[in-house]
N, C-alpha and C. Protein backbone atom coordinates (compact mmCIF):
# COMPACT_ATOMS: atom_id res chain seq x y z
N MET A 1 111.69 33.95 59.35
CA MET A 1 112.18 32.85 60.15
C MET A 1 113.43 33.33 60.89
N THR A 2 113.61 32.85 62.10
CA THR A 2 114.81 33.18 62.85
C THR A 2 115.63 31.92 63.05
N THR A 3 116.85 32.10 63.53
CA THR A 3 117.69 30.94 63.78
C THR A 3 117.53 30.44 65.21
N THR A 4 116.47 30.84 65.86
CA THR A 4 116.12 30.30 67.17
C THR A 4 114.87 29.46 67.02
N VAL A 5 114.89 28.27 67.56
CA VAL A 5 113.75 27.37 67.49
C VAL A 5 113.21 27.24 68.90
N LYS A 6 112.17 28.01 69.22
CA LYS A 6 111.53 27.96 70.54
C LYS A 6 112.55 27.84 71.68
N GLY A 7 113.41 28.81 71.80
CA GLY A 7 114.35 28.82 72.91
C GLY A 7 115.68 28.13 72.63
N VAL A 8 115.85 27.54 71.47
CA VAL A 8 117.12 26.93 71.11
C VAL A 8 117.85 27.90 70.19
N ASP A 9 118.97 28.40 70.65
CA ASP A 9 119.77 29.30 69.82
C ASP A 9 120.58 28.45 68.86
N VAL A 10 120.15 28.36 67.62
CA VAL A 10 120.81 27.51 66.63
C VAL A 10 122.26 27.93 66.45
N VAL A 11 122.54 29.21 66.59
CA VAL A 11 123.89 29.73 66.42
C VAL A 11 124.85 29.07 67.41
N ALA A 12 124.40 28.84 68.62
CA ALA A 12 125.26 28.32 69.69
C ALA A 12 125.26 26.79 69.78
N LEU A 13 124.60 26.11 68.87
CA LEU A 13 124.52 24.64 68.95
C LEU A 13 125.88 23.98 68.78
N GLY A 14 126.11 22.97 69.62
CA GLY A 14 127.21 22.06 69.38
C GLY A 14 126.71 20.94 68.50
N LEU A 15 127.60 20.06 68.06
CA LEU A 15 127.22 19.02 67.13
C LEU A 15 126.17 18.07 67.71
N ARG A 16 126.31 17.67 68.98
CA ARG A 16 125.33 16.75 69.57
C ARG A 16 123.93 17.35 69.53
N ASP A 17 123.82 18.60 69.97
CA ASP A 17 122.50 19.24 69.97
C ASP A 17 121.99 19.48 68.55
N ALA A 18 122.89 19.78 67.63
CA ALA A 18 122.48 19.97 66.24
C ALA A 18 121.95 18.66 65.64
N LEU A 19 122.62 17.56 65.96
CA LEU A 19 122.12 16.26 65.49
C LEU A 19 120.78 15.93 66.13
N ASP A 20 120.64 16.22 67.42
CA ASP A 20 119.35 15.99 68.08
C ASP A 20 118.25 16.82 67.43
N LEU A 21 118.56 18.08 67.13
CA LEU A 21 117.59 18.94 66.47
C LEU A 21 117.21 18.37 65.11
N ALA A 22 118.20 17.94 64.34
CA ALA A 22 117.93 17.39 63.01
C ALA A 22 117.07 16.13 63.10
N VAL A 23 117.37 15.27 64.06
CA VAL A 23 116.57 14.05 64.27
C VAL A 23 115.13 14.43 64.59
N LEU A 24 114.96 15.40 65.45
CA LEU A 24 113.60 15.80 65.85
C LEU A 24 112.83 16.47 64.72
N ILE A 25 113.52 17.21 63.87
CA ILE A 25 112.87 17.82 62.71
C ILE A 25 112.31 16.73 61.80
N GLU A 26 113.12 15.71 61.55
CA GLU A 26 112.68 14.59 60.70
C GLU A 26 111.55 13.81 61.37
N GLU A 27 111.66 13.62 62.67
CA GLU A 27 110.62 12.89 63.42
C GLU A 27 109.29 13.62 63.35
N GLU A 28 109.33 14.94 63.55
CA GLU A 28 108.11 15.74 63.50
C GLU A 28 107.47 15.64 62.11
N ALA A 29 108.29 15.76 61.07
CA ALA A 29 107.76 15.67 59.71
C ALA A 29 107.17 14.28 59.45
N ARG A 30 107.88 13.23 59.88
CA ARG A 30 107.38 11.87 59.70
C ARG A 30 106.02 11.70 60.37
N ASP A 31 105.94 12.12 61.62
CA ASP A 31 104.68 11.97 62.36
C ASP A 31 103.55 12.76 61.71
N ARG A 32 103.83 13.97 61.23
CA ARG A 32 102.78 14.78 60.61
C ARG A 32 102.31 14.13 59.31
N TYR A 33 103.24 13.62 58.51
CA TYR A 33 102.84 12.93 57.28
C TYR A 33 101.97 11.72 57.59
N GLU A 34 102.31 10.99 58.65
CA GLU A 34 101.49 9.84 59.05
C GLU A 34 100.08 10.29 59.44
N GLU A 35 100.00 11.37 60.20
CA GLU A 35 98.69 11.90 60.60
C GLU A 35 97.87 12.30 59.37
N LEU A 36 98.52 12.96 58.43
CA LEU A 36 97.81 13.40 57.22
C LEU A 36 97.37 12.20 56.39
N ALA A 37 98.22 11.17 56.31
CA ALA A 37 97.85 9.95 55.59
C ALA A 37 96.62 9.31 56.24
N ASP A 38 96.60 9.27 57.56
CA ASP A 38 95.44 8.72 58.27
C ASP A 38 94.17 9.50 57.93
N GLN A 39 94.28 10.83 57.91
CA GLN A 39 93.12 11.66 57.56
C GLN A 39 92.65 11.38 56.15
N MET A 40 93.57 11.27 55.23
CA MET A 40 93.20 11.01 53.83
C MET A 40 92.53 9.65 53.69
N GLU A 41 93.01 8.66 54.41
CA GLU A 41 92.38 7.33 54.35
C GLU A 41 90.97 7.35 54.91
N ILE A 42 90.76 8.10 55.98
CA ILE A 42 89.42 8.21 56.56
C ILE A 42 88.45 8.78 55.52
N HIS A 43 88.93 9.70 54.69
CA HIS A 43 88.09 10.35 53.68
C HIS A 43 88.19 9.67 52.32
N HIS A 44 88.78 8.49 52.29
CA HIS A 44 88.88 7.69 51.06
C HIS A 44 89.62 8.41 49.95
N THR A 45 90.62 9.20 50.33
CA THR A 45 91.47 9.88 49.37
C THR A 45 92.80 9.12 49.37
N PHE A 46 92.76 7.95 48.76
CA PHE A 46 93.84 6.98 48.92
C PHE A 46 95.14 7.36 48.21
N GLU A 47 95.07 8.03 47.08
CA GLU A 47 96.31 8.42 46.38
C GLU A 47 97.10 9.43 47.21
N ALA A 48 96.41 10.42 47.76
CA ALA A 48 97.09 11.40 48.62
C ALA A 48 97.63 10.71 49.86
N ALA A 49 96.85 9.79 50.44
CA ALA A 49 97.31 9.05 51.62
C ALA A 49 98.56 8.24 51.30
N ARG A 50 98.55 7.59 50.16
CA ARG A 50 99.71 6.79 49.75
C ARG A 50 100.96 7.67 49.61
N PHE A 51 100.80 8.84 49.03
CA PHE A 51 101.94 9.74 48.89
C PHE A 51 102.42 10.23 50.26
N PHE A 52 101.50 10.59 51.15
CA PHE A 52 101.91 11.04 52.48
C PHE A 52 102.65 9.92 53.22
N ARG A 53 102.23 8.68 53.04
CA ARG A 53 102.95 7.55 53.66
C ARG A 53 104.35 7.40 53.05
N PHE A 54 104.45 7.60 51.75
CA PHE A 54 105.76 7.58 51.09
C PHE A 54 106.68 8.64 51.70
N MET A 55 106.15 9.85 51.90
CA MET A 55 106.96 10.93 52.48
C MET A 55 107.31 10.60 53.93
N ALA A 56 106.39 10.01 54.67
CA ALA A 56 106.70 9.61 56.05
C ALA A 56 107.84 8.61 56.08
N GLY A 57 107.85 7.68 55.13
CA GLY A 57 108.93 6.71 55.04
C GLY A 57 110.27 7.38 54.73
N ASN A 58 110.25 8.37 53.84
CA ASN A 58 111.47 9.12 53.54
C ASN A 58 111.99 9.84 54.77
N GLU A 59 111.09 10.48 55.49
CA GLU A 59 111.49 11.21 56.70
C GLU A 59 112.04 10.23 57.74
N GLU A 60 111.43 9.06 57.86
CA GLU A 60 111.91 8.07 58.83
C GLU A 60 113.30 7.56 58.46
N ARG A 61 113.54 7.31 57.19
CA ARG A 61 114.88 6.86 56.78
C ARG A 61 115.92 7.93 57.11
N HIS A 62 115.58 9.17 56.85
CA HIS A 62 116.51 10.26 57.14
C HIS A 62 116.71 10.39 58.65
N ARG A 63 115.63 10.30 59.42
CA ARG A 63 115.72 10.38 60.88
C ARG A 63 116.60 9.26 61.42
N SER A 64 116.39 8.08 60.92
CA SER A 64 117.15 6.91 61.38
C SER A 64 118.65 7.06 61.10
N THR A 65 118.99 7.56 59.93
CA THR A 65 120.39 7.78 59.57
C THR A 65 121.04 8.82 60.50
N LEU A 66 120.30 9.91 60.74
CA LEU A 66 120.82 10.94 61.63
C LEU A 66 120.95 10.44 63.06
N ALA A 67 119.97 9.66 63.52
CA ALA A 67 120.02 9.11 64.88
C ALA A 67 121.19 8.15 65.04
N ALA A 68 121.46 7.35 64.02
CA ALA A 68 122.61 6.43 64.07
C ALA A 68 123.92 7.22 64.12
N ARG A 69 123.98 8.27 63.35
CA ARG A 69 125.17 9.13 63.36
C ARG A 69 125.37 9.75 64.74
N ARG A 70 124.30 10.17 65.35
CA ARG A 70 124.35 10.77 66.69
C ARG A 70 124.83 9.74 67.71
N ARG A 71 124.25 8.53 67.66
CA ARG A 71 124.65 7.46 68.61
C ARG A 71 126.11 7.07 68.44
N ALA A 72 126.56 6.99 67.18
CA ALA A 72 127.95 6.59 66.91
C ALA A 72 128.92 7.62 67.50
N ARG A 73 128.54 8.85 67.47
CA ARG A 73 129.45 9.92 67.94
C ARG A 73 129.30 10.21 69.43
N PHE A 74 128.06 10.14 69.95
CA PHE A 74 127.81 10.59 71.32
C PHE A 74 127.19 9.53 72.22
N GLY A 75 127.01 8.32 71.71
CA GLY A 75 126.45 7.24 72.53
C GLY A 75 125.08 7.59 73.05
N ASP A 76 124.88 7.30 74.33
CA ASP A 76 123.58 7.54 74.96
C ASP A 76 123.55 8.84 75.76
N ALA A 77 124.43 9.76 75.45
CA ALA A 77 124.41 11.05 76.15
C ALA A 77 123.02 11.66 76.03
N PRO A 78 122.50 12.17 77.13
CA PRO A 78 121.13 12.70 77.09
C PRO A 78 120.99 13.90 76.16
N ALA A 79 119.83 14.01 75.55
CA ALA A 79 119.53 15.12 74.67
C ALA A 79 119.07 16.32 75.48
N VAL A 80 119.48 17.48 75.05
CA VAL A 80 119.04 18.73 75.66
C VAL A 80 117.90 19.31 74.83
N VAL A 81 118.00 19.18 73.52
CA VAL A 81 116.97 19.66 72.61
C VAL A 81 115.81 18.66 72.64
N THR A 82 114.60 19.18 72.79
CA THR A 82 113.42 18.31 72.83
C THR A 82 112.44 18.70 71.73
N ARG A 83 111.53 17.81 71.47
CA ARG A 83 110.52 18.05 70.44
C ARG A 83 109.66 19.27 70.75
N ALA A 84 109.46 19.54 72.03
CA ALA A 84 108.66 20.70 72.43
C ALA A 84 109.30 22.02 72.01
N MET A 85 110.58 21.97 71.64
CA MET A 85 111.30 23.18 71.27
C MET A 85 111.17 23.54 69.80
N LEU A 86 110.51 22.70 69.01
CA LEU A 86 110.37 23.02 67.60
C LEU A 86 108.95 22.77 67.15
N PHE A 87 108.60 23.44 66.08
CA PHE A 87 107.27 23.26 65.51
C PHE A 87 107.32 23.65 64.04
N ASP A 88 106.96 22.70 63.21
CA ASP A 88 106.79 22.95 61.78
C ASP A 88 108.04 23.45 61.07
N VAL A 89 109.22 22.98 61.46
CA VAL A 89 110.41 23.35 60.71
C VAL A 89 110.33 22.74 59.31
N GLU A 90 109.93 21.47 59.24
CA GLU A 90 109.76 20.81 57.95
C GLU A 90 108.37 20.18 57.81
N ALA A 91 107.68 20.00 58.91
CA ALA A 91 106.39 19.31 58.89
C ALA A 91 105.35 20.12 58.12
N PRO A 92 104.45 19.40 57.44
CA PRO A 92 103.36 20.09 56.73
C PRO A 92 102.42 20.79 57.72
N ASP A 93 101.87 21.90 57.29
CA ASP A 93 100.88 22.61 58.10
C ASP A 93 99.57 21.82 58.07
N TYR A 94 98.92 21.74 59.22
CA TYR A 94 97.65 21.02 59.29
C TYR A 94 96.60 21.63 58.39
N ASP A 95 96.58 22.95 58.29
CA ASP A 95 95.49 23.60 57.56
C ASP A 95 95.65 23.54 56.04
N GLU A 96 96.73 22.95 55.54
CA GLU A 96 96.90 22.82 54.09
C GLU A 96 96.12 21.63 53.52
N VAL A 97 95.78 20.69 54.36
CA VAL A 97 95.15 19.45 53.90
C VAL A 97 93.65 19.66 53.74
N ARG A 98 93.13 19.13 52.65
CA ARG A 98 91.70 19.20 52.36
C ARG A 98 91.15 17.79 52.33
N THR A 99 89.90 17.65 52.63
CA THR A 99 89.26 16.34 52.71
C THR A 99 89.46 15.52 51.46
N PHE A 100 89.25 16.07 50.30
CA PHE A 100 89.32 15.32 49.05
C PHE A 100 90.44 15.84 48.16
N MET A 101 91.63 15.92 48.72
CA MET A 101 92.73 16.50 47.96
C MET A 101 93.32 15.50 46.97
N SER A 102 93.83 16.02 45.89
CA SER A 102 94.44 15.19 44.86
C SER A 102 95.89 14.88 45.25
N VAL A 103 96.46 13.91 44.57
CA VAL A 103 97.86 13.60 44.81
C VAL A 103 98.72 14.79 44.39
N ARG A 104 98.31 15.53 43.38
CA ARG A 104 99.05 16.72 42.96
C ARG A 104 99.07 17.75 44.09
N ALA A 105 97.96 17.92 44.77
CA ALA A 105 97.91 18.85 45.90
C ALA A 105 98.80 18.36 47.04
N ALA A 106 98.82 17.05 47.27
CA ALA A 106 99.68 16.47 48.31
C ALA A 106 101.15 16.71 47.96
N LEU A 107 101.49 16.55 46.69
CA LEU A 107 102.85 16.81 46.23
C LEU A 107 103.23 18.28 46.44
N GLY A 108 102.29 19.17 46.20
CA GLY A 108 102.54 20.60 46.42
C GLY A 108 102.84 20.89 47.88
N ILE A 109 102.11 20.24 48.78
CA ILE A 109 102.37 20.40 50.21
C ILE A 109 103.78 19.91 50.54
N ALA A 110 104.14 18.74 50.03
CA ALA A 110 105.46 18.18 50.31
C ALA A 110 106.56 19.10 49.77
N LEU A 111 106.36 19.65 48.60
CA LEU A 111 107.37 20.54 48.03
C LEU A 111 107.56 21.77 48.91
N ARG A 112 106.46 22.36 49.37
CA ARG A 112 106.56 23.52 50.25
C ARG A 112 107.30 23.16 51.55
N CYS A 113 107.09 21.96 52.05
CA CYS A 113 107.78 21.52 53.28
C CYS A 113 109.27 21.38 53.06
N GLU A 114 109.65 20.81 51.94
CA GLU A 114 111.08 20.67 51.64
C GLU A 114 111.72 22.04 51.43
N GLU A 115 111.00 22.96 50.82
CA GLU A 115 111.51 24.32 50.65
C GLU A 115 111.62 25.03 51.99
N LYS A 116 110.66 24.79 52.87
CA LYS A 116 110.67 25.40 54.21
C LYS A 116 111.88 24.91 55.00
N ALA A 117 112.16 23.60 54.94
CA ALA A 117 113.31 23.04 55.66
C ALA A 117 114.61 23.59 55.08
N HIS A 118 114.69 23.68 53.75
CA HIS A 118 115.88 24.24 53.11
C HIS A 118 116.11 25.67 53.60
N ALA A 119 115.06 26.46 53.65
CA ALA A 119 115.18 27.85 54.11
C ALA A 119 115.67 27.92 55.55
N PHE A 120 115.20 27.01 56.39
CA PHE A 120 115.64 26.97 57.79
C PHE A 120 117.16 26.77 57.86
N PHE A 121 117.66 25.74 57.17
CA PHE A 121 119.10 25.47 57.21
C PHE A 121 119.89 26.57 56.52
N ASP A 122 119.37 27.09 55.42
CA ASP A 122 120.05 28.14 54.68
C ASP A 122 120.19 29.40 55.53
N GLU A 123 119.15 29.75 56.26
CA GLU A 123 119.20 30.95 57.09
C GLU A 123 120.16 30.77 58.26
N ALA A 124 120.22 29.58 58.81
CA ALA A 124 121.08 29.34 59.97
C ALA A 124 122.57 29.32 59.60
N LEU A 125 122.89 28.85 58.41
CA LEU A 125 124.29 28.63 58.03
C LEU A 125 125.23 29.82 58.23
N PRO A 126 124.89 31.01 57.77
CA PRO A 126 125.85 32.12 57.90
C PRO A 126 126.14 32.51 59.35
N ARG A 127 125.29 32.09 60.26
CA ARG A 127 125.44 32.49 61.66
C ARG A 127 126.12 31.43 62.53
N LEU A 128 126.31 30.24 61.97
CA LEU A 128 126.87 29.15 62.77
C LEU A 128 128.35 29.37 63.05
N LEU A 129 128.73 29.06 64.28
CA LEU A 129 130.12 29.24 64.69
C LEU A 129 130.90 27.93 64.66
N ASP A 130 130.25 26.84 64.97
CA ASP A 130 130.90 25.53 65.06
C ASP A 130 131.05 24.92 63.66
N ALA A 131 132.28 24.56 63.29
CA ALA A 131 132.55 24.03 61.95
C ALA A 131 131.82 22.72 61.69
N GLU A 132 131.71 21.85 62.69
CA GLU A 132 131.03 20.56 62.50
C GLU A 132 129.53 20.77 62.31
N VAL A 133 128.96 21.71 63.04
CA VAL A 133 127.54 22.01 62.89
C VAL A 133 127.30 22.63 61.52
N ARG A 134 128.21 23.50 61.11
CA ARG A 134 128.09 24.11 59.78
C ARG A 134 128.09 23.01 58.70
N ALA A 135 129.00 22.05 58.81
CA ALA A 135 129.08 20.97 57.83
C ALA A 135 127.80 20.14 57.84
N LEU A 136 127.27 19.86 59.03
CA LEU A 136 126.01 19.11 59.14
C LEU A 136 124.88 19.88 58.47
N PHE A 137 124.75 21.16 58.77
CA PHE A 137 123.67 21.95 58.20
C PHE A 137 123.83 22.10 56.69
N GLU A 138 125.06 22.18 56.20
CA GLU A 138 125.28 22.22 54.76
C GLU A 138 124.80 20.92 54.12
N ASP A 139 125.11 19.78 54.76
CA ASP A 139 124.62 18.49 54.26
C ASP A 139 123.10 18.43 54.27
N LEU A 140 122.51 18.90 55.37
CA LEU A 140 121.05 18.86 55.48
C LEU A 140 120.39 19.77 54.45
N ARG A 141 120.97 20.93 54.25
CA ARG A 141 120.44 21.85 53.24
C ARG A 141 120.51 21.21 51.85
N ARG A 142 121.63 20.56 51.54
CA ARG A 142 121.80 19.89 50.25
C ARG A 142 120.78 18.75 50.10
N GLU A 143 120.53 18.01 51.17
CA GLU A 143 119.55 16.93 51.11
C GLU A 143 118.15 17.47 50.85
N GLU A 144 117.84 18.64 51.38
CA GLU A 144 116.53 19.23 51.13
C GLU A 144 116.38 19.57 49.65
N VAL A 145 117.45 19.98 49.00
CA VAL A 145 117.42 20.24 47.56
C VAL A 145 117.15 18.93 46.82
N ASP A 146 117.80 17.85 47.25
CA ASP A 146 117.55 16.53 46.64
C ASP A 146 116.10 16.11 46.83
N HIS A 147 115.56 16.36 48.02
CA HIS A 147 114.16 16.00 48.30
C HIS A 147 113.22 16.82 47.42
N GLN A 148 113.54 18.09 47.22
CA GLN A 148 112.72 18.93 46.35
C GLN A 148 112.72 18.37 44.93
N ALA A 149 113.87 17.94 44.47
CA ALA A 149 113.96 17.37 43.11
C ALA A 149 113.12 16.11 43.00
N LEU A 150 113.14 15.28 44.02
CA LEU A 150 112.33 14.06 44.04
C LEU A 150 110.84 14.40 43.91
N VAL A 151 110.39 15.37 44.68
CA VAL A 151 108.98 15.77 44.64
C VAL A 151 108.64 16.40 43.29
N ARG A 152 109.54 17.22 42.78
CA ARG A 152 109.28 17.85 41.46
C ARG A 152 109.18 16.80 40.35
N GLU A 153 110.01 15.75 40.43
CA GLU A 153 109.92 14.66 39.44
C GLU A 153 108.54 14.01 39.50
N GLN A 154 108.05 13.78 40.70
CA GLN A 154 106.73 13.17 40.84
C GLN A 154 105.63 14.12 40.40
N LEU A 155 105.80 15.40 40.68
CA LEU A 155 104.82 16.39 40.22
C LEU A 155 104.73 16.41 38.70
N ALA A 156 105.86 16.24 38.03
CA ALA A 156 105.89 16.28 36.57
C ALA A 156 105.07 15.16 35.95
N THR A 157 104.92 14.05 36.64
CA THR A 157 104.18 12.92 36.10
C THR A 157 102.83 12.70 36.77
N ALA A 158 102.50 13.54 37.73
CA ALA A 158 101.22 13.39 38.44
C ALA A 158 100.06 13.77 37.53
N PRO A 159 98.94 13.09 37.69
CA PRO A 159 97.77 13.46 36.88
C PRO A 159 97.30 14.87 37.24
N PRO A 160 96.68 15.55 36.30
CA PRO A 160 96.20 16.90 36.60
C PRO A 160 95.11 16.86 37.66
N ASP A 161 94.96 17.97 38.34
CA ASP A 161 93.88 18.08 39.32
C ASP A 161 92.54 18.00 38.61
N PRO A 162 91.53 17.48 39.28
CA PRO A 162 90.19 17.47 38.68
C PRO A 162 89.71 18.90 38.48
N GLU A 163 88.85 19.08 37.51
CA GLU A 163 88.35 20.43 37.23
C GLU A 163 87.30 20.87 38.24
N ILE A 164 86.80 19.92 39.00
CA ILE A 164 85.80 20.25 40.03
C ILE A 164 86.56 20.59 41.31
N PRO A 165 86.29 21.76 41.90
CA PRO A 165 86.98 22.15 43.14
C PRO A 165 86.70 21.16 44.27
N ASP A 166 87.70 20.97 45.14
CA ASP A 166 87.56 20.06 46.28
C ASP A 166 86.34 20.40 47.13
N ASP A 167 86.06 21.70 47.28
CA ASP A 167 84.95 22.12 48.13
C ASP A 167 83.61 21.62 47.62
N ASP A 168 83.49 21.31 46.32
CA ASP A 168 82.24 20.81 45.78
C ASP A 168 81.90 19.42 46.31
N PHE A 169 82.90 18.73 46.84
CA PHE A 169 82.67 17.39 47.38
C PHE A 169 82.27 17.41 48.85
N ALA A 170 82.45 18.53 49.51
CA ALA A 170 82.13 18.63 50.93
C ALA A 170 80.63 18.74 51.14
N ASP A 171 80.15 18.10 52.16
CA ASP A 171 78.74 18.18 52.50
C ASP A 171 78.45 19.51 53.18
N GLU A 172 77.31 20.06 52.85
CA GLU A 172 76.89 21.29 53.53
C GLU A 172 76.45 20.93 54.94
N PRO A 173 76.70 21.84 55.89
CA PRO A 173 76.21 21.57 57.24
C PRO A 173 74.69 21.51 57.26
N VAL A 174 74.16 20.65 58.05
CA VAL A 174 72.70 20.53 58.15
C VAL A 174 72.26 20.74 59.59
N GLY A 175 71.08 21.31 59.73
CA GLY A 175 70.52 21.52 61.07
C GLY A 175 69.73 20.30 61.50
N HIS A 176 69.54 20.17 62.76
CA HIS A 176 68.77 19.05 63.30
C HIS A 176 67.40 19.46 63.72
């Protein structure tokens, strides 16, 4: 991973742009969790869908808090950082989701996402020049550790995966 996000030099970020980036990271993760929840519901995998909706709600609360902080400090100043400049900083990968995945598998995806976000902030920190951006990224990195703990707590109480592999539930392709 680098400290550049599709043309955004994280090292050179000012606080406004760093807050915009943080808001967009949370927004992307929220939207991806919602998409995954929709997919799970289509396939009647309701426990995984419910968990993905829970994670989307967490990401939205975090996004909303960061957006309010940005507005309080910078008002309606236009954003320079856009969603097109980032991809999968914290959002789950599309190819990790399976049609009939268990809630334990969904929790594993969420844990990897929180670890991925932590790594992003952790890698950027030593290179940051702006003290306010450094403080923000330290807070965000710490929150990712808290999020990991939340997911690990749920993993500890999640039912075990079924002994039958997910692929056994998939229909074989048929010719016409």
